[in-house]
N, C-alpha and C. Protein backbone atom coordinates (compact mmCIF):
# COMPACT_ATOMS: atom_id res chain seq x y z
N MET A 1 38.30 15.55 -35.19
CA MET A 1 37.34 15.12 -34.19
C MET A 1 36.32 14.18 -34.87
N PRO A 2 36.13 12.99 -34.31
CA PRO A 2 35.23 12.02 -34.96
C PRO A 2 33.77 12.44 -34.80
N GLN A 3 33.00 12.07 -35.79
CA GLN A 3 31.58 12.41 -35.76
C GLN A 3 30.82 11.36 -34.96
N LEU A 4 29.75 11.82 -34.31
CA LEU A 4 28.94 10.95 -33.48
C LEU A 4 28.03 10.10 -34.37
N ASP A 5 28.07 8.80 -34.19
CA ASP A 5 27.26 7.90 -35.00
C ASP A 5 25.86 7.82 -34.39
N THR A 6 24.89 8.37 -35.08
CA THR A 6 23.51 8.39 -34.55
C THR A 6 22.62 7.39 -35.27
N SER A 7 23.17 6.48 -36.00
CA SER A 7 22.35 5.57 -36.79
C SER A 7 21.58 4.58 -35.91
N THR A 8 22.08 4.28 -34.72
CA THR A 8 21.39 3.30 -33.87
C THR A 8 20.48 3.95 -32.84
N TRP A 9 20.40 5.27 -32.83
CA TRP A 9 19.59 5.94 -31.82
C TRP A 9 18.10 5.64 -31.96
N PHE A 10 17.62 5.58 -33.18
CA PHE A 10 16.19 5.35 -33.40
C PHE A 10 15.76 4.00 -32.82
N ILE A 11 16.47 2.95 -33.15
CA ILE A 11 16.08 1.62 -32.68
C ILE A 11 16.28 1.52 -31.16
N THR A 12 17.24 2.23 -30.62
CA THR A 12 17.47 2.21 -29.17
C THR A 12 16.31 2.90 -28.44
N ILE A 13 15.90 4.04 -28.93
CA ILE A 13 14.81 4.79 -28.29
C ILE A 13 13.50 4.02 -28.41
N ILE A 14 13.23 3.47 -29.60
CA ILE A 14 11.98 2.73 -29.81
C ILE A 14 11.95 1.48 -28.93
N SER A 15 13.04 0.74 -28.86
CA SER A 15 13.05 -0.48 -28.04
C SER A 15 12.95 -0.13 -26.56
N THR A 16 13.51 0.99 -26.14
CA THR A 16 13.39 1.41 -24.74
C THR A 16 11.95 1.76 -24.42
N MET A 17 11.29 2.47 -25.31
CA MET A 17 9.91 2.84 -25.07
C MET A 17 9.00 1.61 -25.03
N ILE A 18 9.23 0.66 -25.92
CA ILE A 18 8.43 -0.56 -25.91
C ILE A 18 8.67 -1.35 -24.63
N THR A 19 9.91 -1.43 -24.20
CA THR A 19 10.23 -2.15 -22.96
C THR A 19 9.58 -1.49 -21.76
N LEU A 20 9.64 -0.16 -21.68
CA LEU A 20 9.00 0.54 -20.58
C LEU A 20 7.49 0.36 -20.60
N PHE A 21 6.91 0.38 -21.78
CA PHE A 21 5.46 0.17 -21.90
C PHE A 21 5.08 -1.22 -21.39
N ILE A 22 5.83 -2.23 -21.78
CA ILE A 22 5.54 -3.59 -21.34
C ILE A 22 5.73 -3.72 -19.84
N LEU A 23 6.77 -3.12 -19.29
CA LEU A 23 7.00 -3.20 -17.85
C LEU A 23 5.88 -2.52 -17.07
N PHE A 24 5.43 -1.37 -17.54
CA PHE A 24 4.33 -0.68 -16.85
C PHE A 24 3.04 -1.48 -16.96
N GLN A 25 2.79 -2.10 -18.11
CA GLN A 25 1.59 -2.91 -18.26
C GLN A 25 1.62 -4.10 -17.32
N LEU A 26 2.78 -4.74 -17.19
CA LEU A 26 2.90 -5.87 -16.28
C LEU A 26 2.72 -5.43 -14.83
N LYS A 27 3.29 -4.27 -14.50
CA LYS A 27 3.16 -3.76 -13.14
C LYS A 27 1.70 -3.44 -12.81
N LEU A 28 1.00 -2.79 -13.75
CA LEU A 28 -0.39 -2.44 -13.51
C LEU A 28 -1.30 -3.66 -13.51
N SER A 29 -0.99 -4.67 -14.31
CA SER A 29 -1.85 -5.84 -14.35
C SER A 29 -1.73 -6.68 -13.08
N SER A 30 -0.64 -6.52 -12.35
CA SER A 30 -0.48 -7.29 -11.11
C SER A 30 -1.14 -6.59 -9.92
N GLN A 31 -1.58 -5.35 -10.13
CA GLN A 31 -2.26 -4.62 -9.05
C GLN A 31 -3.68 -5.13 -8.90
N THR A 32 -4.17 -5.15 -7.67
CA THR A 32 -5.56 -5.50 -7.44
C THR A 32 -6.31 -4.24 -7.04
N PHE A 33 -7.31 -3.90 -7.82
CA PHE A 33 -8.10 -2.72 -7.57
C PHE A 33 -9.42 -3.13 -6.92
N PRO A 34 -9.95 -2.31 -6.02
CA PRO A 34 -11.24 -2.66 -5.41
C PRO A 34 -12.36 -2.59 -6.44
N ALA A 35 -13.42 -3.32 -6.15
CA ALA A 35 -14.57 -3.31 -7.05
C ALA A 35 -15.18 -1.92 -7.07
N SER A 36 -15.95 -1.65 -8.09
CA SER A 36 -16.56 -0.32 -8.20
C SER A 36 -17.46 -0.09 -7.00
N PRO A 37 -17.35 1.05 -6.37
CA PRO A 37 -18.13 1.29 -5.15
C PRO A 37 -19.61 1.43 -5.45
N SER A 38 -20.40 0.77 -4.65
CA SER A 38 -21.84 0.88 -4.82
C SER A 38 -22.33 2.06 -3.98
N PRO A 39 -23.35 2.75 -4.44
CA PRO A 39 -23.83 3.90 -3.67
C PRO A 39 -24.39 3.45 -2.33
N LYS A 40 -23.95 4.10 -1.29
CA LYS A 40 -24.39 3.76 0.05
C LYS A 40 -25.59 4.65 0.40
N ILE A 41 -26.66 4.02 0.82
CA ILE A 41 -27.88 4.76 1.15
C ILE A 41 -27.76 5.22 2.60
N VAL A 42 -27.71 6.51 2.77
CA VAL A 42 -27.58 7.09 4.10
C VAL A 42 -28.91 7.73 4.46
N ALA A 43 -29.44 7.32 5.59
CA ALA A 43 -30.71 7.89 6.04
C ALA A 43 -30.41 9.19 6.77
N THR A 44 -30.70 10.29 6.12
CA THR A 44 -30.46 11.58 6.75
C THR A 44 -31.68 11.98 7.55
N GLU A 45 -31.43 12.33 8.76
CA GLU A 45 -32.53 12.72 9.65
C GLU A 45 -32.73 14.22 9.55
N LYS A 46 -33.96 14.61 9.27
CA LYS A 46 -34.26 16.03 9.12
C LYS A 46 -34.36 16.66 10.50
N THR A 47 -33.48 17.59 10.78
CA THR A 47 -33.51 18.27 12.08
C THR A 47 -34.33 19.54 11.95
N LYS A 48 -35.07 19.83 12.98
CA LYS A 48 -35.90 21.03 12.99
C LYS A 48 -35.11 22.19 13.58
N ASN A 49 -34.97 23.20 12.81
CA ASN A 49 -34.31 24.41 13.28
C ASN A 49 -35.35 25.35 13.86
N PRO A 50 -34.96 26.18 14.82
CA PRO A 50 -35.95 27.09 15.42
C PRO A 50 -36.60 28.02 14.40
N TRP A 51 -35.87 28.44 13.40
CA TRP A 51 -36.45 29.36 12.44
C TRP A 51 -37.34 28.63 11.42
N GLU A 52 -37.33 27.32 11.39
CA GLU A 52 -38.23 26.60 10.51
C GLU A 52 -39.57 26.32 11.19
N LEU A 53 -39.63 26.43 12.50
CA LEU A 53 -40.86 26.11 13.21
C LEU A 53 -41.86 27.26 13.20
N LYS A 54 -41.40 28.47 13.06
CA LYS A 54 -42.33 29.59 13.09
C LYS A 54 -42.17 30.44 11.82
N TRP A 55 -43.26 31.09 11.47
CA TRP A 55 -43.25 31.92 10.28
C TRP A 55 -42.68 33.28 10.64
N THR A 56 -41.74 33.72 9.88
CA THR A 56 -41.15 35.03 10.13
C THR A 56 -41.34 35.88 8.89
N LYS A 57 -41.49 37.17 9.13
CA LYS A 57 -41.66 38.10 8.04
C LYS A 57 -40.45 39.01 8.00
N ILE A 58 -39.91 39.20 6.83
CA ILE A 58 -38.74 40.05 6.68
C ILE A 58 -39.22 41.43 6.23
N TYR A 59 -38.87 42.42 6.98
CA TYR A 59 -39.23 43.79 6.64
C TYR A 59 -38.02 44.49 6.04
N LEU A 60 -38.26 45.28 5.06
CA LEU A 60 -37.20 46.08 4.47
C LEU A 60 -37.40 47.52 4.91
N PRO A 61 -36.65 47.98 5.90
CA PRO A 61 -36.89 49.31 6.43
C PRO A 61 -36.64 50.43 5.44
N LEU A 62 -35.80 50.23 4.46
CA LEU A 62 -35.51 51.29 3.51
C LEU A 62 -36.65 51.48 2.51
N LEU A 63 -37.49 50.47 2.37
CA LEU A 63 -38.58 50.55 1.40
C LEU A 63 -39.93 50.84 2.04
N SER A 64 -39.95 51.14 3.34
CA SER A 64 -41.23 51.40 4.00
C SER A 64 -41.77 52.77 3.57
N HIS A 65 -43.09 52.92 3.67
CA HIS A 65 -43.73 54.17 3.23
C HIS A 65 -43.47 55.28 4.24
N GLN A 66 -43.24 56.44 3.70
CA GLN A 66 -43.04 57.63 4.54
C GLN A 66 -44.42 58.27 4.76
N GLN A 67 -44.81 58.49 5.99
CA GLN A 67 -46.11 59.13 6.25
C GLN A 67 -45.97 60.46 6.92
């Protein structure tokens, strides 16, 4: 049974990787990406909630004094 000649595998793998790298670089360089987004100033309107208009007191019934 003949032995497998692996002497050319290194150069084949390296040249394939270099070719793929170049192809991906060319593909990415042809893409057009949008400019960096600038922060959009949004005017948030403060809405008044019913519980913000009046003062409320929270009672803890378990901590009340026993008389």
